[in-house]
PDB file of all heavy atoms in Angstrom:
ATOM      1  N   HIS A   1     -20.060 -28.197 -17.508  1.00  0.00           N
ATOM      2  CA  HIS A   1     -19.589 -26.843 -17.770  1.00  0.00           C
ATOM      3  C   HIS A   1     -18.104 -26.664 -17.446  1.00  0.00           C
ATOM      4  O   HIS A   1     -17.485 -25.696 -17.838  1.00  0.00           O
ATOM      5  CB  HIS A   1     -20.427 -25.835 -16.976  1.00  0.00           C
ATOM      6  CG  HIS A   1     -20.297 -25.991 -15.491  1.00  0.00           C
ATOM      7  ND1 HIS A   1     -20.937 -27.003 -14.802  1.00  0.00           N
ATOM      8  CD2 HIS A   1     -19.588 -25.294 -14.587  1.00  0.00           C
ATOM      9  CE1 HIS A   1     -20.650 -26.906 -13.523  1.00  0.00           C
ATOM     10  NE2 HIS A   1     -19.827 -25.876 -13.361  1.00  0.00           N
ATOM     11  N   LEU A   2     -17.515 -27.631 -16.733  1.00  0.00           N
ATOM     12  CA  LEU A   2     -16.101 -27.539 -16.359  1.00  0.00           C
ATOM     13  C   LEU A   2     -15.181 -28.185 -17.396  1.00  0.00           C
ATOM     14  O   LEU A   2     -13.966 -28.103 -17.262  1.00  0.00           O
ATOM     15  CB  LEU A   2     -15.888 -28.206 -14.996  1.00  0.00           C
ATOM     16  CG  LEU A   2     -16.679 -27.579 -13.831  1.00  0.00           C
ATOM     17  CD1 LEU A   2     -16.513 -28.423 -12.579  1.00  0.00           C
ATOM     18  CD2 LEU A   2     -16.240 -26.155 -13.597  1.00  0.00           C
ATOM     19  N   ARG A   3     -15.732 -28.824 -18.382  1.00  0.00           N
ATOM     20  CA  ARG A   3     -14.915 -29.534 -19.358  1.00  0.00           C
ATOM     21  C   ARG A   3     -14.107 -28.562 -20.212  1.00  0.00           C
ATOM     22  O   ARG A   3     -14.590 -27.490 -20.590  1.00  0.00           O
ATOM     23  CB  ARG A   3     -15.789 -30.410 -20.247  1.00  0.00           C
ATOM     24  CG  ARG A   3     -16.410 -31.525 -19.442  1.00  0.00           C
ATOM     25  CD  ARG A   3     -17.016 -32.562 -20.356  1.00  0.00           C
ATOM     26  NE  ARG A   3     -17.672 -33.551 -19.521  1.00  0.00           N
ATOM     27  CZ  ARG A   3     -18.932 -33.898 -19.636  1.00  0.00           C
ATOM     28  NH1 ARG A   3     -19.669 -33.397 -20.579  1.00  0.00           N
ATOM     29  NH2 ARG A   3     -19.452 -34.789 -18.826  1.00  0.00           N
ATOM     30  N   VAL A   4     -12.915 -28.957 -20.571  1.00  0.00           N
ATOM     31  CA  VAL A   4     -11.996 -28.090 -21.290  1.00  0.00           C
ATOM     32  C   VAL A   4     -12.182 -28.183 -22.802  1.00  0.00           C
ATOM     33  O   VAL A   4     -11.897 -27.242 -23.522  1.00  0.00           O
ATOM     34  CB  VAL A   4     -10.533 -28.475 -20.940  1.00  0.00           C
ATOM     35  CG1 VAL A   4      -9.564 -27.460 -21.502  1.00  0.00           C
ATOM     36  CG2 VAL A   4     -10.358 -28.609 -19.448  1.00  0.00           C
ATOM     37  N   HIS A   5     -12.733 -29.267 -23.305  1.00  0.00           N
ATOM     38  CA  HIS A   5     -12.796 -29.487 -24.739  1.00  0.00           C
ATOM     39  C   HIS A   5     -13.916 -28.724 -25.453  1.00  0.00           C
ATOM     40  O   HIS A   5     -14.165 -28.953 -26.624  1.00  0.00           O
ATOM     41  CB  HIS A   5     -12.917 -30.987 -25.035  1.00  0.00           C
ATOM     42  CG  HIS A   5     -14.229 -31.560 -24.600  1.00  0.00           C
ATOM     43  ND1 HIS A   5     -14.455 -31.954 -23.321  1.00  0.00           N
ATOM     44  CD2 HIS A   5     -15.375 -31.796 -25.289  1.00  0.00           C
ATOM     45  CE1 HIS A   5     -15.691 -32.415 -23.208  1.00  0.00           C
ATOM     46  NE2 HIS A   5     -16.259 -32.329 -24.395  1.00  0.00           N
ATOM     47  N   ILE A   6     -14.585 -27.816 -24.791  1.00  0.00           N
ATOM     48  CA  ILE A   6     -15.638 -27.044 -25.431  1.00  0.00           C
ATOM     49  C   ILE A   6     -14.993 -26.027 -26.359  1.00  0.00           C
ATOM     50  O   ILE A   6     -14.138 -25.252 -25.963  1.00  0.00           O
ATOM     51  CB  ILE A   6     -16.518 -26.336 -24.384  1.00  0.00           C
ATOM     52  CG1 ILE A   6     -17.210 -27.374 -23.503  1.00  0.00           C
ATOM     53  CG2 ILE A   6     -17.532 -25.425 -25.066  1.00  0.00           C
ATOM     54  CD1 ILE A   6     -18.029 -26.776 -22.388  1.00  0.00           C
ATOM     55  N   LEU A   7     -15.401 -26.041 -27.610  1.00  0.00           N
ATOM     56  CA  LEU A   7     -14.844 -25.144 -28.612  1.00  0.00           C
ATOM     57  C   LEU A   7     -15.444 -23.755 -28.462  1.00  0.00           C
ATOM     58  O   LEU A   7     -16.633 -23.615 -28.156  1.00  0.00           O
ATOM     59  CB  LEU A   7     -15.130 -25.682 -30.014  1.00  0.00           C
ATOM     60  CG  LEU A   7     -14.538 -27.048 -30.339  1.00  0.00           C
ATOM     61  CD1 LEU A   7     -15.024 -27.512 -31.698  1.00  0.00           C
ATOM     62  CD2 LEU A   7     -13.033 -26.992 -30.293  1.00  0.00           C
ATOM     63  N   PRO A   8     -14.662 -22.716 -28.701  1.00  0.00           N
ATOM     64  CA  PRO A   8     -15.208 -21.356 -28.627  1.00  0.00           C
ATOM     65  C   PRO A   8     -16.167 -21.113 -29.782  1.00  0.00           C
ATOM     66  O   PRO A   8     -16.079 -21.746 -30.830  1.00  0.00           O
ATOM     67  CB  PRO A   8     -13.969 -20.464 -28.743  1.00  0.00           C
ATOM     68  CG  PRO A   8     -12.950 -21.308 -29.425  1.00  0.00           C
ATOM     69  CD  PRO A   8     -13.243 -22.729 -29.053  1.00  0.00           C
ATOM     70  N   PHE A   9     -17.073 -20.180 -29.591  1.00  0.00           N
ATOM     71  CA  PHE A   9     -18.050 -19.831 -30.619  1.00  0.00           C
ATOM     72  C   PHE A   9     -17.317 -19.223 -31.803  1.00  0.00           C
ATOM     73  O   PHE A   9     -16.449 -18.357 -31.636  1.00  0.00           O
ATOM     74  CB  PHE A   9     -19.074 -18.847 -30.046  1.00  0.00           C
ATOM     75  CG  PHE A   9     -20.272 -18.653 -30.909  1.00  0.00           C
ATOM     76  CD1 PHE A   9     -21.277 -19.607 -30.923  1.00  0.00           C
ATOM     77  CD2 PHE A   9     -20.396 -17.541 -31.720  1.00  0.00           C
ATOM     78  CE1 PHE A   9     -22.384 -19.453 -31.722  1.00  0.00           C
ATOM     79  CE2 PHE A   9     -21.502 -17.379 -32.530  1.00  0.00           C
ATOM     80  CZ  PHE A   9     -22.504 -18.339 -32.527  1.00  0.00           C
ATOM     81  N   PRO A  10     -17.606 -19.653 -33.033  1.00  0.00           N
ATOM     82  CA  PRO A  10     -16.863 -19.153 -34.196  1.00  0.00           C
ATOM     83  C   PRO A  10     -17.183 -17.681 -34.471  1.00  0.00           C
ATOM     84  O   PRO A  10     -18.257 -17.195 -34.143  1.00  0.00           O
ATOM     85  CB  PRO A  10     -17.345 -20.044 -35.338  1.00  0.00           C
ATOM     86  CG  PRO A  10     -18.670 -20.531 -34.897  1.00  0.00           C
ATOM     87  CD  PRO A  10     -18.615 -20.631 -33.403  1.00  0.00           C
ATOM     88  N   TRP A  11     -16.241 -17.011 -35.108  1.00  0.00           N
ATOM     89  CA  TRP A  11     -16.423 -15.615 -35.480  1.00  0.00           C
ATOM     90  C   TRP A  11     -17.442 -15.521 -36.609  1.00  0.00           C
ATOM     91  O   TRP A  11     -17.498 -16.375 -37.477  1.00  0.00           O
ATOM     92  CB  TRP A  11     -15.100 -14.996 -35.924  1.00  0.00           C
ATOM     93  CG  TRP A  11     -14.163 -14.813 -34.767  1.00  0.00           C
ATOM     94  CD1 TRP A  11     -13.164 -15.641 -34.400  1.00  0.00           C
ATOM     95  CD2 TRP A  11     -14.185 -13.757 -33.825  1.00  0.00           C
ATOM     96  NE1 TRP A  11     -12.537 -15.195 -33.276  1.00  0.00           N
ATOM     97  CE2 TRP A  11     -13.149 -14.012 -32.896  1.00  0.00           C
ATOM     98  CE3 TRP A  11     -14.963 -12.621 -33.648  1.00  0.00           C
ATOM     99  CZ2 TRP A  11     -12.882 -13.177 -31.822  1.00  0.00           C
ATOM    100  CZ3 TRP A  11     -14.690 -11.787 -32.582  1.00  0.00           C
ATOM    101  CH2 TRP A  11     -13.664 -12.064 -31.694  1.00  0.00           C
ATOM    102  N   ILE A  12     -18.228 -14.469 -36.584  1.00  0.00           N
ATOM    103  CA  ILE A  12     -19.247 -14.273 -37.605  1.00  0.00           C
ATOM    104  C   ILE A  12     -18.669 -13.411 -38.726  1.00  0.00           C
ATOM    105  O   ILE A  12     -18.066 -12.370 -38.475  1.00  0.00           O
ATOM    106  CB  ILE A  12     -20.496 -13.603 -37.005  1.00  0.00           C
ATOM    107  CG1 ILE A  12     -21.114 -14.534 -35.955  1.00  0.00           C
ATOM    108  CG2 ILE A  12     -21.508 -13.244 -38.081  1.00  0.00           C
ATOM    109  CD1 ILE A  12     -22.285 -13.943 -35.231  1.00  0.00           C
ATOM    110  N   ASN A  13     -18.884 -13.851 -39.956  1.00  0.00           N
ATOM    111  CA  ASN A  13     -18.435 -13.116 -41.120  1.00  0.00           C
ATOM    112  C   ASN A  13     -19.499 -12.065 -41.451  1.00  0.00           C
ATOM    113  O   ASN A  13     -20.587 -12.379 -41.941  1.00  0.00           O
ATOM    114  CB  ASN A  13     -18.233 -14.077 -42.297  1.00  0.00           C
ATOM    115  CG  ASN A  13     -17.691 -13.396 -43.518  1.00  0.00           C
ATOM    116  OD1 ASN A  13     -17.697 -12.174 -43.627  1.00  0.00           O
ATOM    117  ND2 ASN A  13     -17.224 -14.199 -44.454  1.00  0.00           N
ATOM    118  N   GLU A  14     -19.186 -10.798 -41.180  1.00  0.00           N
ATOM    119  CA  GLU A  14     -20.158  -9.719 -41.351  1.00  0.00           C
ATOM    120  C   GLU A  14     -20.594  -9.559 -42.813  1.00  0.00           C
ATOM    121  O   GLU A  14     -21.757  -9.267 -43.093  1.00  0.00           O
ATOM    122  CB  GLU A  14     -19.573  -8.403 -40.840  1.00  0.00           C
ATOM    123  CG  GLU A  14     -19.411  -8.379 -39.337  1.00  0.00           C
ATOM    124  CD  GLU A  14     -18.863  -7.043 -38.844  1.00  0.00           C
ATOM    125  OE1 GLU A  14     -19.163  -6.001 -39.457  1.00  0.00           O
ATOM    126  OE2 GLU A  14     -18.130  -7.063 -37.849  1.00  0.00           O
ATOM    127  N   CYS A  15     -19.694  -9.761 -43.721  1.00  0.00           N
ATOM    128  CA  CYS A  15     -20.046  -9.641 -45.145  1.00  0.00           C
ATOM    129  C   CYS A  15     -21.065 -10.704 -45.547  1.00  0.00           C
ATOM    130  O   CYS A  15     -22.029 -10.425 -46.274  1.00  0.00           O
ATOM    131  CB  CYS A  15     -18.789  -9.768 -46.009  1.00  0.00           C
ATOM    132  SG  CYS A  15     -17.640  -8.397 -45.792  1.00  0.00           S
ATOM    133  N   ARG A  16     -20.856 -11.932 -45.065  1.00  0.00           N
ATOM    134  CA  ARG A  16     -21.779 -13.030 -45.397  1.00  0.00           C
ATOM    135  C   ARG A  16     -23.159 -12.776 -44.785  1.00  0.00           C
ATOM    136  O   ARG A  16     -24.180 -13.054 -45.418  1.00  0.00           O
ATOM    137  CB  ARG A  16     -21.198 -14.361 -44.899  1.00  0.00           C
ATOM    138  CG  ARG A  16     -22.049 -15.551 -45.223  1.00  0.00           C
ATOM    139  CD  ARG A  16     -22.150 -15.781 -46.731  1.00  0.00           C
ATOM    140  NE  ARG A  16     -23.017 -16.912 -46.976  1.00  0.00           N
ATOM    141  CZ  ARG A  16     -23.861 -16.981 -47.994  1.00  0.00           C
ATOM    142  NH1 ARG A  16     -23.901 -16.024 -48.893  1.00  0.00           N
ATOM    143  NH2 ARG A  16     -24.633 -18.022 -48.142  1.00  0.00           N
ATOM    144  N   VAL A  17     -23.199 -12.226 -43.574  1.00  0.00           N
ATOM    145  CA  VAL A  17     -24.473 -11.903 -42.927  1.00  0.00           C
ATOM    146  C   VAL A  17     -25.221 -10.864 -43.760  1.00  0.00           C
ATOM    147  O   VAL A  17     -26.430 -10.991 -44.004  1.00  0.00           O
ATOM    148  CB  VAL A  17     -24.244 -11.402 -41.480  1.00  0.00           C
ATOM    149  CG1 VAL A  17     -25.527 -10.836 -40.888  1.00  0.00           C
ATOM    150  CG2 VAL A  17     -23.708 -12.518 -40.607  1.00  0.00           C
ATOM    151  N   GLN A  18     -24.534  -9.829 -44.232  1.00  0.00           N
ATOM    152  CA  GLN A  18     -25.163  -8.799 -45.058  1.00  0.00           C
ATOM    153  C   GLN A  18     -25.687  -9.382 -46.375  1.00  0.00           C
ATOM    154  O   GLN A  18     -26.785  -9.040 -46.816  1.00  0.00           O
ATOM    155  CB  GLN A  18     -24.174  -7.655 -45.346  1.00  0.00           C
ATOM    156  CG  GLN A  18     -23.927  -6.759 -44.153  1.00  0.00           C
ATOM    157  CD  GLN A  18     -25.211  -6.107 -43.655  1.00  0.00           C
ATOM    158  OE1 GLN A  18     -26.080  -5.719 -44.424  1.00  0.00           O
ATOM    159  NE2 GLN A  18     -25.343  -6.022 -42.338  1.00  0.00           N
ATOM    160  N   GLU A  19     -24.915 -10.289 -46.971  1.00  0.00           N
ATOM    161  CA  GLU A  19     -25.360 -10.936 -48.208  1.00  0.00           C
ATOM    162  C   GLU A  19     -26.644 -11.718 -47.984  1.00  0.00           C
ATOM    163  O   GLU A  19     -27.579 -11.652 -48.783  1.00  0.00           O
ATOM    164  CB  GLU A  19     -24.268 -11.883 -48.732  1.00  0.00           C
ATOM    165  CG  GLU A  19     -23.061 -11.198 -49.321  1.00  0.00           C
ATOM    166  CD  GLU A  19     -21.975 -12.209 -49.679  1.00  0.00           C
ATOM    167  OE1 GLU A  19     -22.268 -13.431 -49.735  1.00  0.00           O
ATOM    168  OE2 GLU A  19     -20.836 -11.768 -49.897  1.00  0.00           O
ATOM    169  N   LEU A  20     -26.689 -12.475 -46.894  1.00  0.00           N
ATOM    170  CA  LEU A  20     -27.876 -13.277 -46.581  1.00  0.00           C
ATOM    171  C   LEU A  20     -29.084 -12.376 -46.325  1.00  0.00           C
ATOM    172  O   LEU A  20     -30.211 -12.695 -46.753  1.00  0.00           O
ATOM    173  CB  LEU A  20     -27.617 -14.187 -45.387  1.00  0.00           C
ATOM    174  CG  LEU A  20     -26.639 -15.337 -45.625  1.00  0.00           C
ATOM    175  CD1 LEU A  20     -26.312 -16.041 -44.309  1.00  0.00           C
ATOM    176  CD2 LEU A  20     -27.219 -16.325 -46.613  1.00  0.00           C
ATOM    177  N   LEU A  21     -28.882 -11.270 -45.628  1.00  0.00           N
ATOM    178  CA  LEU A  21     -29.983 -10.335 -45.368  1.00  0.00           C
ATOM    179  C   LEU A  21     -30.512  -9.756 -46.670  1.00  0.00           C
ATOM    180  O   LEU A  21     -31.734  -9.654 -46.874  1.00  0.00           O
ATOM    181  CB  LEU A  21     -29.522  -9.207 -44.443  1.00  0.00           C
ATOM    182  CG  LEU A  21     -29.350  -9.563 -42.971  1.00  0.00           C
ATOM    183  CD1 LEU A  21     -28.731  -8.404 -42.220  1.00  0.00           C
ATOM    184  CD2 LEU A  21     -30.676  -9.938 -42.359  1.00  0.00           C
ATOM    185  N   GLN A  22     -29.621  -9.365 -47.563  1.00  0.00           N
ATOM    186  CA  GLN A  22     -30.039  -8.799 -48.844  1.00  0.00           C
ATOM    187  C   GLN A  22     -30.803  -9.819 -49.681  1.00  0.00           C
ATOM    188  O   GLN A  22     -31.808  -9.496 -50.304  1.00  0.00           O
ATOM    189  CB  GLN A  22     -28.813  -8.269 -49.622  1.00  0.00           C
ATOM    190  CG  GLN A  22     -28.124  -7.093 -48.969  1.00  0.00           C
ATOM    191  CD  GLN A  22     -29.057  -5.910 -48.760  1.00  0.00           C
ATOM    192  OE1 GLN A  22     -29.942  -5.655 -49.565  1.00  0.00           O
ATOM    193  NE2 GLN A  22     -28.864  -5.199 -47.658  1.00  0.00           N
ATOM    194  N   GLU A  23     -30.332 -11.070 -49.693  1.00  0.00           N
ATOM    195  CA  GLU A  23     -31.028 -12.130 -50.432  1.00  0.00           C
ATOM    196  C   GLU A  23     -32.434 -12.349 -49.872  1.00  0.00           C
ATOM    197  O   GLU A  23     -33.407 -12.493 -50.617  1.00  0.00           O
ATOM    198  CB  GLU A  23     -30.241 -13.439 -50.351  1.00  0.00           C
ATOM    199  CG  GLU A  23     -28.992 -13.473 -51.190  1.00  0.00           C
ATOM    200  CD  GLU A  23     -28.209 -14.770 -50.966  1.00  0.00           C
ATOM    201  OE1 GLU A  23     -28.793 -15.771 -50.493  1.00  0.00           O
ATOM    202  OE2 GLU A  23     -27.003 -14.774 -51.265  1.00  0.00           O
ATOM    203  N   GLY A  24     -32.535 -12.387 -48.550  1.00  0.00           N
ATOM    204  CA  GLY A  24     -33.842 -12.581 -47.910  1.00  0.00           C
ATOM    205  C   GLY A  24     -34.802 -11.448 -48.206  1.00  0.00           C
ATOM    206  O   GLY A  24     -35.989 -11.675 -48.461  1.00  0.00           O
ATOM    207  N   LEU A  25     -34.304 -10.206 -48.181  1.00  0.00           N
ATOM    208  CA  LEU A  25     -35.158  -9.054 -48.497  1.00  0.00           C
ATOM    209  C   LEU A  25     -35.619  -9.096 -49.945  1.00  0.00           C
ATOM    210  O   LEU A  25     -36.785  -8.795 -50.242  1.00  0.00           O
ATOM    211  CB  LEU A  25     -34.399  -7.753 -48.229  1.00  0.00           C
ATOM    212  CG  LEU A  25     -34.269  -7.343 -46.762  1.00  0.00           C
ATOM    213  CD1 LEU A  25     -33.345  -6.142 -46.626  1.00  0.00           C
ATOM    214  CD2 LEU A  25     -35.626  -7.047 -46.174  1.00  0.00           C
ATOM    215  N   ALA A  26     -34.716  -9.457 -50.843  1.00  0.00           N
ATOM    216  CA  ALA A  26     -35.079  -9.532 -52.259  1.00  0.00           C
ATOM    217  C   ALA A  26     -36.157 -10.589 -52.482  1.00  0.00           C
ATOM    218  O   ALA A  26     -37.105 -10.378 -53.241  1.00  0.00           O
ATOM    219  CB  ALA A  26     -33.841  -9.841 -53.106  1.00  0.00           C
ATOM    220  N   ARG A  27     -36.037 -11.731 -51.816  1.00  0.00           N
ATOM    221  CA  ARG A  27     -37.044 -12.793 -51.963  1.00  0.00           C
ATOM    222  C   ARG A  27     -38.372 -12.376 -51.373  1.00  0.00           C
ATOM    223  O   ARG A  27     -39.431 -12.648 -51.927  1.00  0.00           O
ATOM    224  CB  ARG A  27     -36.573 -14.075 -51.288  1.00  0.00           C
ATOM    225  CG  ARG A  27     -35.758 -14.959 -52.188  1.00  0.00           C
ATOM    226  CD  ARG A  27     -35.470 -16.234 -51.491  1.00  0.00           C
ATOM    227  NE  ARG A  27     -34.644 -15.871 -50.340  1.00  0.00           N
ATOM    228  CZ  ARG A  27     -33.884 -16.676 -49.654  1.00  0.00           C
ATOM    229  NH1 ARG A  27     -33.870 -17.943 -49.943  1.00  0.00           N
ATOM    230  NH2 ARG A  27     -33.156 -16.268 -48.659  1.00  0.00           N
ATOM    231  N   SER A  28     -38.349 -11.718 -50.189  1.00  0.00           N
ATOM    232  CA  SER A  28     -39.604 -11.362 -49.526  1.00  0.00           C
ATOM    233  C   SER A  28     -40.359 -10.271 -50.268  1.00  0.00           C
ATOM    234  O   SER A  28     -41.572 -10.204 -50.200  1.00  0.00           O
ATOM    235  CB  SER A  28     -39.345 -10.938 -48.080  1.00  0.00           C
ATOM    236  OG  SER A  28     -38.644  -9.716 -48.039  1.00  0.00           O
ATOM    237  N   GLN A  29     -39.642  -9.394 -50.994  1.00  0.00           N
ATOM    238  CA  GLN A  29     -40.320  -8.338 -51.739  1.00  0.00           C
ATOM    239  C   GLN A  29     -41.052  -8.892 -52.957  1.00  0.00           C
ATOM    240  O   GLN A  29     -42.088  -8.387 -53.348  1.00  0.00           O
ATOM    241  CB  GLN A  29     -39.322  -7.270 -52.176  1.00  0.00           C
ATOM    242  CG  GLN A  29     -38.836  -6.444 -51.015  1.00  0.00           C
ATOM    243  CD  GLN A  29     -37.735  -5.470 -51.403  1.00  0.00           C
ATOM    244  OE1 GLN A  29     -37.241  -5.516 -52.521  1.00  0.00           O
ATOM    245  NE2 GLN A  29     -37.372  -4.602 -50.479  1.00  0.00           N
TER     246      GLN A  29
END
């Protein structure tokens, strides 16, 4: 846990998340 080379968690693209949710809802219906 003390190592410096750990990369930060990437930012989430909110638009892409919404697209994926809409696709999943369309498939499940």
